[in-house]
């Protein structure tokens, strides 16, 4: 599937620096997966098109926009969003993208 990326949570996003990613990992106490970072660093805050997709084990998922590593806007910053959602998470899954629908897409991370 081909995915196109458009301005979403932040306008004209530039790739996230390694320094900002490492800061977010320290604050969250996790190491983000390389496959996630390959997309999230380059397309931080962007909206994918299409936003809906089929899940490998059935069902459908959606992503409104990727969370970002910038300080602003705060509501869509990865640390702010995950910290606020952490009480709803179990095990090693954190809801990293902002979903367009009612489902969340868990992304597995490695604990430090």
PDB file of N, CA and C in Angstrom:
ATOM      1  N   UNK A   1       0.848  -1.168   0.000  1.00  0.00           N
ATOM      2  CA  UNK A   1       0.000   0.000   0.000  1.00  0.00           C
ATOM      3  C   UNK A   1       0.901   1.241   0.000  1.00  0.00           C
ATOM      4  N   UNK A   2       0.565   2.192  -0.826  1.00  0.00           N
ATOM      5  CA  UNK A   2       1.283   3.463  -0.870  1.00  0.00           C
ATOM      6  C   UNK A   2       0.635   4.436   0.102  1.00  0.00           C
ATOM      7  N   UNK A   3       1.449   5.082   0.925  1.00  0.00           N
ATOM      8  CA  UNK A   3       0.949   6.061   1.892  1.00  0.00           C
ATOM      9  C   UNK A   3       1.515   7.423   1.532  1.00  0.00           C
ATOM     10  N   UNK A   4       0.645   8.422   1.484  1.00  0.00           N
ATOM     11  CA  UNK A   4       1.056   9.819   1.303  1.00  0.00           C
ATOM     12  C   UNK A   4       0.910  10.518   2.648  1.00  0.00           C
ATOM     13  N   UNK A   5       1.746  11.512   2.898  1.00  0.00           N
ATOM     14  CA  UNK A   5       1.743  12.202   4.188  1.00  0.00           C
ATOM     15  C   UNK A   5       1.441  13.682   3.990  1.00  0.00           C
ATOM     16  N   UNK A   6       0.574  14.237   4.859  1.00  0.00           N
ATOM     17  CA  UNK A   6       0.150  15.634   4.789  1.00  0.00           C
ATOM     18  C   UNK A   6       0.268  16.278   6.165  1.00  0.00           C
ATOM     19  N   UNK A   7       0.335  17.619   6.199  1.00  0.00           N
ATOM     20  CA  UNK A   7       0.360  18.325   7.479  1.00  0.00           C
ATOM     21  C   UNK A   7      -0.811  17.862   8.334  1.00  0.00           C
ATOM     22  N   UNK A   8      -0.563  17.634   9.600  1.00  0.00           N
ATOM     23  CA  UNK A   8      -1.603  17.148  10.504  1.00  0.00           C
ATOM     24  C   UNK A   8      -1.566  17.901  11.817  1.00  0.00           C
ATOM     25  N   UNK A   9      -0.899  17.305  12.822  1.00  0.00           N
ATOM     26  CA  UNK A   9      -0.829  17.917  14.144  1.00  0.00           C
ATOM     27  C   UNK A   9       0.091  19.136  14.144  1.00  0.00           C
ATOM     28  N   UNK A  10       1.083  19.151  13.261  1.00  0.00           N
ATOM     29  CA  UNK A  10       1.974  20.305  13.136  1.00  0.00           C
ATOM     30  C   UNK A  10       2.109  20.661  11.661  1.00  0.00           C
ATOM     31  N   UNK A  11       2.271  21.941  11.372  1.00  0.00           N
ATOM     32  CA  UNK A  11       2.425  22.408   9.997  1.00  0.00           C
ATOM     33  C   UNK A  11       3.881  22.333   9.568  1.00  0.00           C
ATOM     34  N   UNK A  12       4.100  21.949   8.322  1.00  0.00           N
ATOM     35  CA  UNK A  12       5.437  21.863   7.741  1.00  0.00           C
ATOM     36  C   UNK A  12       6.433  21.154   8.665  1.00  0.00           C
ATOM     37  N   UNK A  13       6.124  19.930   9.083  1.00  0.00           N
ATOM     38  CA  UNK A  13       7.027  19.245  10.006  1.00  0.00           C
ATOM     39  C   UNK A  13       8.360  18.905   9.351  1.00  0.00           C
ATOM     40  N   UNK A  14       9.406  19.014  10.128  1.00  0.00           N
ATOM     41  CA  UNK A  14      10.717  18.550   9.680  1.00  0.00           C
ATOM     42  C   UNK A  14      11.021  17.283  10.464  1.00  0.00           C
ATOM     43  N   UNK A  15      11.941  16.460   9.975  1.00  0.00           N
ATOM     44  CA  UNK A  15      12.251  15.231  10.709  1.00  0.00           C
ATOM     45  C   UNK A  15      12.699  15.525  12.143  1.00  0.00           C
ATOM     46  N   UNK A  16      12.314  14.654  13.057  1.00  0.00           N
ATOM     47  CA  UNK A  16      12.700  14.795  14.463  1.00  0.00           C
ATOM     48  C   UNK A  16      14.184  14.486  14.616  1.00  0.00           C
ATOM     49  N   UNK A  17      14.850  15.247  15.441  1.00  0.00           N
ATOM     50  CA  UNK A  17      16.277  15.017  15.692  1.00  0.00           C
ATOM     51  C   UNK A  17      16.450  13.834  16.642  1.00  0.00           C
ATOM     52  N   UNK A  18      17.625  13.216  16.575  1.00  0.00           N
ATOM     53  CA  UNK A  18      17.939  12.126  17.502  1.00  0.00           C
ATOM     54  C   UNK A  18      17.884  12.607  18.943  1.00  0.00           C
ATOM     55  N   UNK A  19      18.291  13.854  19.184  1.00  0.00           N
ATOM     56  CA  UNK A  19      18.273  14.425  20.539  1.00  0.00           C
ATOM     57  C   UNK A  19      16.846  14.464  21.077  1.00  0.00           C
ATOM     58  N   UNK A  20      15.877  14.898  20.261  1.00  0.00           N
ATOM     59  CA  UNK A  20      14.481  14.970  20.717  1.00  0.00           C
ATOM     60  C   UNK A  20      13.896  13.580  20.940  1.00  0.00           C
ATOM     61  N   UNK A  21      14.253  12.646  20.076  1.00  0.00           N
ATOM     62  CA  UNK A  21      13.765  11.276  20.243  1.00  0.00           C
ATOM     63  C   UNK A  21      14.329  10.672  21.523  1.00  0.00           C
ATOM     64  N   UNK A  22      15.613  10.838  21.764  1.00  0.00           N
ATOM     65  CA  UNK A  22      16.238  10.298  22.978  1.00  0.00           C
ATOM     66  C   UNK A  22      15.651  10.937  24.232  1.00  0.00           C
ATOM     67  N   UNK A  23      15.354  12.223  24.173  1.00  0.00           N
ATOM     68  CA  UNK A  23      14.722  12.902  25.311  1.00  0.00           C
ATOM     69  C   UNK A  23      13.349  12.289  25.595  1.00  0.00           C
ATOM     70  N   UNK A  24      12.573  12.061  24.546  1.00  0.00           N
ATOM     71  CA  UNK A  24      11.246  11.457  24.713  1.00  0.00           C
ATOM     72  C   UNK A  24      11.372  10.047  25.291  1.00  0.00           C
ATOM     73  N   UNK A  25      12.325   9.271  24.798  1.00  0.00           N
ATOM     74  CA  UNK A  25      12.523   7.912  25.327  1.00  0.00           C
ATOM     75  C   UNK A  25      12.884   7.941  26.806  1.00  0.00           C
ATOM     76  N   UNK A  26      13.761   8.879  27.190  1.00  0.00           N
ATOM     77  CA  UNK A  26      14.132   8.993  28.613  1.00  0.00           C
ATOM     78  C   UNK A  26      12.917   9.355  29.457  1.00  0.00           C
ATOM     79  N   UNK A  27      12.128  10.319  28.997  1.00  0.00           N
ATOM     80  CA  UNK A  27      10.954  10.761  29.769  1.00  0.00           C
ATOM     81  C   UNK A  27       9.909   9.659  29.874  1.00  0.00           C
ATOM     82  N   UNK A  28       9.783   8.845  28.831  1.00  0.00           N
ATOM     83  CA  UNK A  28       8.808   7.760  28.850  1.00  0.00           C
ATOM     84  C   UNK A  28       9.348   6.495  29.512  1.00  0.00           C
ATOM     85  N   UNK A  29      10.676   6.413  29.620  1.00  0.00           N
ATOM     86  CA  UNK A  29      11.293   5.226  30.206  1.00  0.00           C
ATOM     87  C   UNK A  29      11.242   4.017  29.299  1.00  0.00           C
ATOM     88  N   UNK A  30      11.228   4.250  27.987  1.00  0.00           N
ATOM     89  CA  UNK A  30      11.160   3.162  27.011  1.00  0.00           C
ATOM     90  C   UNK A  30      12.125   3.437  25.862  1.00  0.00           C
ATOM     91  N   UNK A  31      12.399   2.404  25.099  1.00  0.00           N
ATOM     92  CA  UNK A  31      13.138   2.564  23.854  1.00  0.00           C
ATOM     93  C   UNK A  31      12.137   2.278  22.736  1.00  0.00           C
ATOM     94  N   UNK A  32      11.898   3.261  21.890  1.00  0.00           N
ATOM     95  CA  UNK A  32      10.929   3.104  20.805  1.00  0.00           C
ATOM     96  C   UNK A  32      11.510   2.192  19.724  1.00  0.00           C
ATOM     97  N   UNK A  33      10.645   1.412  19.108  1.00  0.00           N
ATOM     98  CA  UNK A  33      11.072   0.458  18.080  1.00  0.00           C
ATOM     99  C   UNK A  33      11.626   1.179  16.865  1.00  0.00           C
ATOM    100  N   UNK A  34      12.653   0.595  16.287  1.00  0.00           N
ATOM    101  CA  UNK A  34      13.291   1.187  15.098  1.00  0.00           C
ATOM    102  C   UNK A  34      12.318   1.295  13.934  1.00  0.00           C
ATOM    103  N   UNK A  35      11.452   0.291  13.731  1.00  0.00           N
ATOM    104  CA  UNK A  35      10.509   0.361  12.615  1.00  0.00           C
ATOM    105  C   UNK A  35       9.504   1.496  12.807  1.00  0.00           C
ATOM    106  N   UNK A  36       9.116   1.766  14.062  1.00  0.00           N
ATOM    107  CA  UNK A  36       8.251   2.906  14.343  1.00  0.00           C
ATOM    108  C   UNK A  36       8.996   4.212  14.087  1.00  0.00           C
ATOM    109  N   UNK A  37      10.229   4.305  14.589  1.00  0.00           N
ATOM    110  CA  UNK A  37      11.012   5.536  14.436  1.00  0.00           C
ATOM    111  C   UNK A  37      11.335   5.846  12.978  1.00  0.00           C
ATOM    112  N   UNK A  38      11.499   4.822  12.154  1.00  0.00           N
ATOM    113  CA  UNK A  38      11.780   5.049  10.741  1.00  0.00           C
ATOM    114  C   UNK A  38      10.680   5.880  10.085  1.00  0.00           C
ATOM    115  N   UNK A  39       9.461   5.727  10.553  1.00  0.00           N
ATOM    116  CA  UNK A  39       8.338   6.509  10.025  1.00  0.00           C
ATOM    117  C   UNK A  39       8.105   7.754  10.872  1.00  0.00           C
ATOM    118  N   UNK A  40       8.066   7.587  12.192  1.00  0.00           N
ATOM    119  CA  UNK A  40       7.687   8.681  13.087  1.00  0.00           C
ATOM    120  C   UNK A  40       8.676   9.841  13.080  1.00  0.00           C
ATOM    121  N   UNK A  41       9.971   9.573  12.956  1.00  0.00           N
ATOM    122  CA  UNK A  41      10.950  10.659  12.931  1.00  0.00           C
ATOM    123  C   UNK A  41      10.794  11.495  11.669  1.00  0.00           C
ATOM    124  N   UNK A  42      10.586  10.838  10.544  1.00  0.00           N
ATOM    125  CA  UNK A  42      10.472  11.538   9.266  1.00  0.00           C
ATOM    126  C   UNK A  42       9.127  12.236   9.107  1.00  0.00           C
ATOM    127  N   UNK A  43       8.058  11.584   9.543  1.00  0.00           N
ATOM    128  CA  UNK A  43       6.699  12.093   9.316  1.00  0.00           C
ATOM    129  C   UNK A  43       6.017  12.520  10.616  1.00  0.00           C
ATOM    130  N   UNK A  44       6.778  13.017  11.579  1.00  0.00           N
ATOM    131  CA  UNK A  44       6.187  13.363  12.875  1.00  0.00           C
ATOM    132  C   UNK A  44       5.049  14.368  12.712  1.00  0.00           C
ATOM    133  N   UNK A  45       3.939  14.074  13.359  1.00  0.00           N
ATOM    134  CA  UNK A  45       2.782  14.959  13.336  1.00  0.00           C
ATOM    135  C   UNK A  45       1.973  14.921  12.057  1.00  0.00           C
ATOM    136  N   UNK A  46       2.384  14.147  11.064  1.00  0.00           N
ATOM    137  CA  UNK A  46       1.713  14.151   9.759  1.00  0.00           C
ATOM    138  C   UNK A  46       0.502  13.219   9.734  1.00  0.00           C
ATOM    139  N   UNK A  47      -0.413  13.507   8.799  1.00  0.00           N
ATOM    140  CA  UNK A  47      -1.592  12.677   8.569  1.00  0.00           C
ATOM    141  C   UNK A  47      -1.321  11.752   7.385  1.00  0.00           C
ATOM    142  N   UNK A  48      -1.572  10.452   7.547  1.00  0.00           N
ATOM    143  CA  UNK A  48      -1.399   9.535   6.426  1.00  0.00           C
ATOM    144  C   UNK A  48      -2.656   9.479   5.557  1.00  0.00           C
ATOM    145  N   UNK A  49      -2.463   9.214   4.291  1.00  0.00           N
ATOM    146  CA  UNK A  49      -3.580   8.967   3.384  1.00  0.00           C
ATOM    147  C   UNK A  49      -3.232   7.707   2.611  1.00  0.00           C
ATOM    148  N   UNK A  50      -3.943   6.626   2.733  1.00  0.00           N
ATOM    149  CA  UNK A  50      -5.215   6.518   3.439  1.00  0.00           C
ATOM    150  C   UNK A  50      -5.013   6.439   4.956  1.00  0.00           C
ATOM    151  N   UNK A  51      -6.037   6.820   5.705  1.00  0.00           N
ATOM    152  CA  UNK A  51      -5.939   6.761   7.167  1.00  0.00           C
ATOM    153  C   UNK A  51      -6.485   5.449   7.718  1.00  0.00           C
ATOM    154  N   UNK A  52      -7.228   4.704   6.915  1.00  0.00           N
ATOM    155  CA  UNK A  52      -7.780   3.417   7.347  1.00  0.00           C
ATOM    156  C   UNK A  52      -7.036   2.283   6.663  1.00  0.00           C
ATOM    157  N   UNK A  53      -6.910   1.164   7.358  1.00  0.00           N
ATOM    158  CA  UNK A  53      -6.184   0.017   6.817  1.00  0.00           C
ATOM    159  C   UNK A  53      -6.693  -1.255   7.485  1.00  0.00           C
ATOM    160  N   UNK A  54      -6.432  -2.382   6.826  1.00  0.00           N
ATOM    161  CA  UNK A  54      -6.803  -3.687   7.369  1.00  0.00           C
ATOM    162  C   UNK A  54      -5.716  -4.176   8.314  1.00  0.00           C
ATOM    163  N   UNK A  55      -6.121  -4.750   9.426  1.00  0.00           N
ATOM    164  CA  UNK A  55      -5.180  -5.312  10.398  1.00  0.00           C
ATOM    165  C   UNK A  55      -4.848  -6.747  10.011  1.00  0.00           C
ATOM    166  N   UNK A  56      -3.628  -7.213  10.317  1.00  0.00           N
ATOM    167  CA  UNK A  56      -3.201  -8.550   9.896  1.00  0.00           C
ATOM    168  C   UNK A  56      -4.106  -9.686  10.377  1.00  0.00           C
ATOM    169  N   UNK A  57      -4.688  -9.571  11.555  1.00  0.00           N
ATOM    170  CA  UNK A  57      -5.519 -10.653  12.096  1.00  0.00           C
ATOM    171  C   UNK A  57      -7.005 -10.351  11.984  1.00  0.00           C
ATOM    172  N   UNK A  58      -7.352  -9.467  11.068  1.00  0.00           N
ATOM    173  CA  UNK A  58      -8.750  -9.113  10.863  1.00  0.00           C
ATOM    174  C   UNK A  58      -9.092  -7.779  11.493  1.00  0.00           C
ATOM    175  N   UNK A  59     -10.163  -7.197  11.060  1.00  0.00           N
ATOM    176  CA  UNK A  59     -10.584  -5.899  11.555  1.00  0.00           C
ATOM    177  C   UNK A  59      -9.933  -4.768  10.771  1.00  0.00           C
ATOM    178  N   UNK A  60     -10.242  -3.545  11.172  1.00  0.00           N
ATOM    179  CA  UNK A  60      -9.702  -2.371  10.509  1.00  0.00           C
ATOM    180  C   UNK A  60      -9.117  -1.437  11.546  1.00  0.00           C
ATOM    181  N   UNK A  61      -8.139  -0.671  11.146  1.00  0.00           N
ATOM    182  CA  UNK A  61      -7.516   0.328  12.004  1.00  0.00           C
ATOM    183  C   UNK A  61      -7.490   1.659  11.285  1.00  0.00           C
ATOM    184  N   UNK A  62      -7.210   2.705  12.025  1.00  0.00           N
ATOM    185  CA  UNK A  62      -7.109   4.034  11.425  1.00  0.00           C
ATOM    186  C   UNK A  62      -6.144   4.884  12.230  1.00  0.00           C
ATOM    187  N   UNK A  63      -5.501   5.802  11.549  1.00  0.00           N
ATOM    188  CA  UNK A  63      -4.608   6.761  12.190  1.00  0.00           C
ATOM    189  C   UNK A  63      -4.954   8.145  11.666  1.00  0.00           C
ATOM    190  N   UNK A  64      -5.302   9.045  12.574  1.00  0.00           N
ATOM    191  CA  UNK A  64      -5.581  10.422  12.169  1.00  0.00           C
ATOM    192  C   UNK A  64      -4.278  11.162  11.894  1.00  0.00           C
ATOM    193  N   UNK A  65      -3.345  11.085  12.830  1.00  0.00           N
ATOM    194  CA  UNK A  65      -2.016  11.665  12.637  1.00  0.00           C
ATOM    195  C   UNK A  65      -1.037  11.006  13.589  1.00  0.00           C
ATOM    196  N   UNK A  66       0.241  11.044  13.210  1.00  0.00           N
ATOM    197  CA  UNK A  66       1.290  10.544  14.097  1.00  0.00           C
ATOM    198  C   UNK A  66       1.565  11.579  15.174  1.00  0.00           C
ATOM    199  N   UNK A  67       1.880  11.120  16.351  1.00  0.00           N
ATOM    200  CA  UNK A  67       2.315  12.037  17.402  1.00  0.00           C
ATOM    201  C   UNK A  67       3.707  12.530  17.048  1.00  0.00           C
ATOM    202  N   UNK A  68       4.154  13.595  17.701  1.00  0.00           N
ATOM    203  CA  UNK A  68       5.428  14.220  17.330  1.00  0.00           C
ATOM    204  C   UNK A  68       6.326  14.422  18.540  1.00  0.00           C
ATOM    205  N   UNK A  69       7.567  14.829  18.264  1.00  0.00           N
ATOM    206  CA  UNK A  69       8.593  15.008  19.287  1.00  0.00           C
ATOM    207  C   UNK A  69       8.846  16.473  19.607  1.00  0.00           C
ATOM    208  N   UNK A  70       8.104  17.384  18.993  1.00  0.00           N
ATOM    209  CA  UNK A  70       8.283  18.822  19.228  1.00  0.00           C
ATOM    210  C   UNK A  70       7.596  19.226  20.531  1.00  0.00           C
ATOM    211  N   UNK A  71       7.971  20.390  21.072  1.00  0.00           N
ATOM    212  CA  UNK A  71       7.354  20.869  22.322  1.00  0.00           C
ATOM    213  C   UNK A  71       5.890  21.293  22.109  1.00  0.00           C
ATOM    214  N   UNK A  72       5.589  21.870  20.969  1.00  0.00           N
ATOM    215  CA  UNK A  72       4.241  22.361  20.673  1.00  0.00           C
ATOM    216  C   UNK A  72       3.772  21.819  19.335  1.00  0.00           C
ATOM    217  N   UNK A  73       2.489  21.593  19.155  1.00  0.00           N
ATOM    218  CA  UNK A  73       1.434  21.719  20.151  1.00  0.00           C
ATOM    219  C   UNK A  73       1.488  20.570  21.158  1.00  0.00           C
ATOM    220  N   UNK A  74       1.287  20.933  22.397  1.00  0.00           N
ATOM    221  CA  UNK A  74       1.442  20.012  23.513  1.00  0.00           C
ATOM    222  C   UNK A  74       0.494  18.818  23.414  1.00  0.00           C
ATOM    223  N   UNK A  75      -0.749  19.044  22.971  1.00  0.00           N
ATOM    224  CA  UNK A  75      -1.754  17.977  22.971  1.00  0.00           C
ATOM    225  C   UNK A  75      -1.365  16.789  22.098  1.00  0.00           C
ATOM    226  N   UNK A  76      -0.509  16.996  21.112  1.00  0.00           N
ATOM    227  CA  UNK A  76      -0.141  15.903  20.215  1.00  0.00           C
ATOM    228  C   UNK A  76       1.331  15.513  20.341  1.00  0.00           C
ATOM    229  N   UNK A  77       1.998  15.995  21.400  1.00  0.00           N
ATOM    230  CA  UNK A  77       3.378  15.617  21.689  1.00  0.00           C
ATOM    231  C   UNK A  77       3.382  14.185  22.211  1.00  0.00           C
ATOM    232  N   UNK A  78       4.312  13.372  21.772  1.00  0.00           N
ATOM    233  CA  UNK A  78       4.327  11.948  22.119  1.00  0.00           C
ATOM    234  C   UNK A  78       4.438  11.715  23.624  1.00  0.00           C
ATOM    235  N   UNK A  79       5.255  12.482  24.319  1.00  0.00           N
ATOM    236  CA  UNK A  79       5.406  12.305  25.766  1.00  0.00           C
ATOM    237  C   UNK A  79       4.123  12.708  26.490  1.00  0.00           C
ATOM    238  N   UNK A  80       3.555  13.845  26.109  1.00  0.00           N
ATOM    239  CA  UNK A  80       2.320  14.314  26.757  1.00  0.00           C
ATOM    240  C   UNK A  80       1.184  13.322  26.541  1.00  0.00           C
ATOM    241  N   UNK A  81       1.031  12.828  25.332  1.00  0.00           N
ATOM    242  CA  UNK A  81      -0.076  11.922  25.008  1.00  0.00           C
ATOM    243  C   UNK A  81       0.101  10.560  25.677  1.00  0.00           C
ATOM    244  N   UNK A  82       1.287   9.998  25.601  1.00  0.00           N
ATOM    245  CA  UNK A  82       1.514   8.675  26.182  1.00  0.00           C
ATOM    246  C   UNK A  82       1.477   8.739  27.700  1.00  0.00           C
ATOM    247  N   UNK A  83       2.053   9.783  28.287  1.00  0.00           N
ATOM    248  CA  UNK A  83       2.012   9.930  29.746  1.00  0.00           C
ATOM    249  C   UNK A  83       0.578  10.005  30.236  1.00  0.00           C
ATOM    250  N   UNK A  84      -0.262  10.729  29.512  1.00  0.00           N
ATOM    251  CA  UNK A  84      -1.668  10.876  29.883  1.00  0.00           C
ATOM    252  C   UNK A  84      -2.408   9.558  29.697  1.00  0.00           C
ATOM    253  N   UNK A  85      -1.995   8.748  28.718  1.00  0.00           N
ATOM    254  CA  UNK A  85      -2.675   7.490  28.416  1.00  0.00           C
ATOM    255  C   UNK A  85      -2.116   6.299  29.177  1.00  0.00           C
ATOM    256  N   UNK A  86      -0.995   6.475  29.852  1.00  0.00           N
ATOM    257  CA  UNK A  86      -0.291   5.345  30.461  1.00  0.00           C
ATOM    258  C   UNK A  86      -1.152   4.561  31.439  1.00  0.00           C
ATOM    259  N   UNK A  87      -2.089   5.207  32.105  1.00  0.00           N
ATOM    260  CA  UNK A  87      -2.917   4.482  33.062  1.00  0.00           C
ATOM    261  C   UNK A  87      -3.841   3.496  32.364  1.00  0.00           C
ATOM    262  N   UNK A  88      -4.059   3.651  31.065  1.00  0.00           N
ATOM    263  CA  UNK A  88      -4.933   2.747  30.322  1.00  0.00           C
ATOM    264  C   UNK A  88      -4.151   1.639  29.630  1.00  0.00           C
ATOM    265  N   UNK A  89      -2.824   1.692  29.701  1.00  0.00           N
ATOM    266  CA  UNK A  89      -1.981   0.727  28.995  1.00  0.00           C
ATOM    267  C   UNK A  89      -1.641  -0.442  29.903  1.00  0.00           C
ATOM    268  N   UNK A  90      -1.495  -1.585  29.292  1.00  0.00           N
ATOM    269  CA  UNK A  90      -1.055  -2.755  30.033  1.00  0.00           C
ATOM    270  C   UNK A  90       0.162  -3.331  29.330  1.00  0.00           C
ATOM    271  N   UNK A  91       1.019  -3.939  30.085  1.00  0.00           N
ATOM    272  CA  UNK A  91       2.193  -4.566  29.496  1.00  0.00           C
ATOM    273  C   UNK A  91       3.101  -3.562  28.829  1.00  0.00           C
ATOM    274  N   UNK A  92       3.434  -3.821  27.583  1.00  0.00           N
ATOM    275  CA  UNK A  92       4.402  -2.999  26.876  1.00  0.00           C
ATOM    276  C   UNK A  92       3.789  -2.238  25.712  1.00  0.00           C
ATOM    277  N   UNK A  93       2.497  -2.124  25.631  1.00  0.00           N
ATOM    278  CA  UNK A  93       1.863  -1.414  24.521  1.00  0.00           C
ATOM    279  C   UNK A  93       1.526   0.009  24.911  1.00  0.00           C
ATOM    280  N   UNK A  94       1.859   0.941  24.033  1.00  0.00           N
ATOM    281  CA  UNK A  94       1.517   2.342  24.237  1.00  0.00           C
ATOM    282  C   UNK A  94       0.799   2.829  22.988  1.00  0.00           C
ATOM    283  N   UNK A  95      -0.277   3.609  23.119  1.00  0.00           N
ATOM    284  CA  UNK A  95      -0.983   4.125  21.945  1.00  0.00           C
ATOM    285  C   UNK A  95      -0.234   5.330  21.378  1.00  0.00           C
ATOM    286  N   UNK A  96       0.582   5.131  20.348  1.00  0.00           N
ATOM    287  CA  UNK A  96       1.429   6.208  19.849  1.00  0.00           C
ATOM    288  C   UNK A  96       0.781   7.085  18.794  1.00  0.00           C
ATOM    289  N   UNK A  97       0.043   6.560  17.819  1.00  0.00           N
ATOM    290  CA  UNK A  97      -0.610   7.488  16.904  1.00  0.00           C
ATOM    291  C   UNK A  97      -1.948   7.937  17.455  1.00  0.00           C
ATOM    292  N   UNK A  98      -2.418   9.085  17.014  1.00  0.00           N
ATOM    293  CA  UNK A  98      -3.775   9.532  17.317  1.00  0.00           C
ATOM    294  C   UNK A  98      -4.671   8.859  16.300  1.00  0.00           C
ATOM    295  N   UNK A  99      -5.664   8.112  16.758  1.00  0.00           N
ATOM    296  CA  UNK A  99      -6.496   7.357  15.832  1.00  0.00           C
ATOM    297  C   UNK A  99      -7.643   8.203  15.305  1.00  0.00           C
ATOM    298  N   UNK A 100      -8.047   7.877  14.093  1.00  0.00           N
ATOM    299  CA  UNK A 100      -9.162   8.586  13.468  1.00  0.00           C
ATOM    300  C   UNK A 100     -10.488   8.002  13.915  1.00  0.00           C
ATOM    301  N   UNK A 101     -10.491   6.727  14.248  1.00  0.00           N
ATOM    302  CA  UNK A 101     -11.719   6.062  14.660  1.00  0.00           C
ATOM    303  C   UNK A 101     -11.702   5.759  16.138  1.00  0.00           C
ATOM    304  N   UNK A 102     -12.420   4.713  16.512  1.00  0.00           N
ATOM    305  CA  UNK A 102     -12.535   4.382  17.930  1.00  0.00           C
ATOM    306  C   UNK A 102     -11.476   3.388  18.384  1.00  0.00           C
ATOM    307  N   UNK A 103     -10.695   2.877  17.472  1.00  0.00           N
ATOM    308  CA  UNK A 103      -9.702   1.890  17.883  1.00  0.00           C
ATOM    309  C   UNK A 103      -8.339   2.550  18.031  1.00  0.00           C
ATOM    310  N   UNK A 104      -7.486   1.997  18.892  1.00  0.00           N
ATOM    311  CA  UNK A 104      -6.123   2.498  19.000  1.00  0.00           C
ATOM    312  C   UNK A 104      -5.182   1.455  18.429  1.00  0.00           C
ATOM    313  N   UNK A 105      -4.075   1.911  17.918  1.00  0.00           N
ATOM    314  CA  UNK A 105      -3.084   1.028  17.332  1.00  0.00           C
ATOM    315  C   UNK A 105      -1.954   0.884  18.326  1.00  0.00           C
ATOM    316  N   UNK A 106      -1.830  -0.258  19.016  1.00  0.00           N
ATOM    317  CA  UNK A 106      -0.742  -0.385  19.982  1.00  0.00           C
ATOM    318  C   UNK A 106       0.602  -0.547  19.280  1.00  0.00           C
ATOM    319  N   UNK A 107       1.597   0.090  19.788  1.00  0.00           N
ATOM    320  CA  UNK A 107       2.956  -0.047  19.277  1.00  0.00           C
ATOM    321  C   UNK A 107       3.814  -0.555  20.419  1.00  0.00           C
ATOM    322  N   UNK A 108       4.461  -1.677  20.218  1.00  0.00           N
ATOM    323  CA  UNK A 108       5.269  -2.263  21.276  1.00  0.00           C
ATOM    324  C   UNK A 108       6.602  -1.545  21.402  1.00  0.00           C
ATOM    325  N   UNK A 109       7.011  -1.374  22.629  1.00  0.00           N
ATOM    326  CA  UNK A 109       8.265  -0.699  22.926  1.00  0.00           C
ATOM    327  C   UNK A 109       9.076  -1.581  23.863  1.00  0.00           C
ATOM    328  N   UNK A 110      10.351  -1.332  23.934  1.00  0.00           N
ATOM    329  CA  UNK A 110      11.228  -2.062  24.844  1.00  0.00           C
ATOM    330  C   UNK A 110      11.441  -1.236  26.101  1.00  0.00           C
ATOM    331  N   UNK A 111      11.263  -1.836  27.250  1.00  0.00           N
ATOM    332  CA  UNK A 111      11.519  -1.162  28.518  1.00  0.00           C
ATOM    333  C   UNK A 111      13.025  -0.962  28.671  1.00  0.00           C
ATOM    334  N   UNK A 112      13.435   0.160  29.264  1.00  0.00           N
ATOM    335  CA  UNK A 112      14.850   0.378  29.558  1.00  0.00           C
ATOM    336  C   UNK A 112      15.277  -0.571  30.638  1.00  0.00           C
TER     337      UNK A 112
END
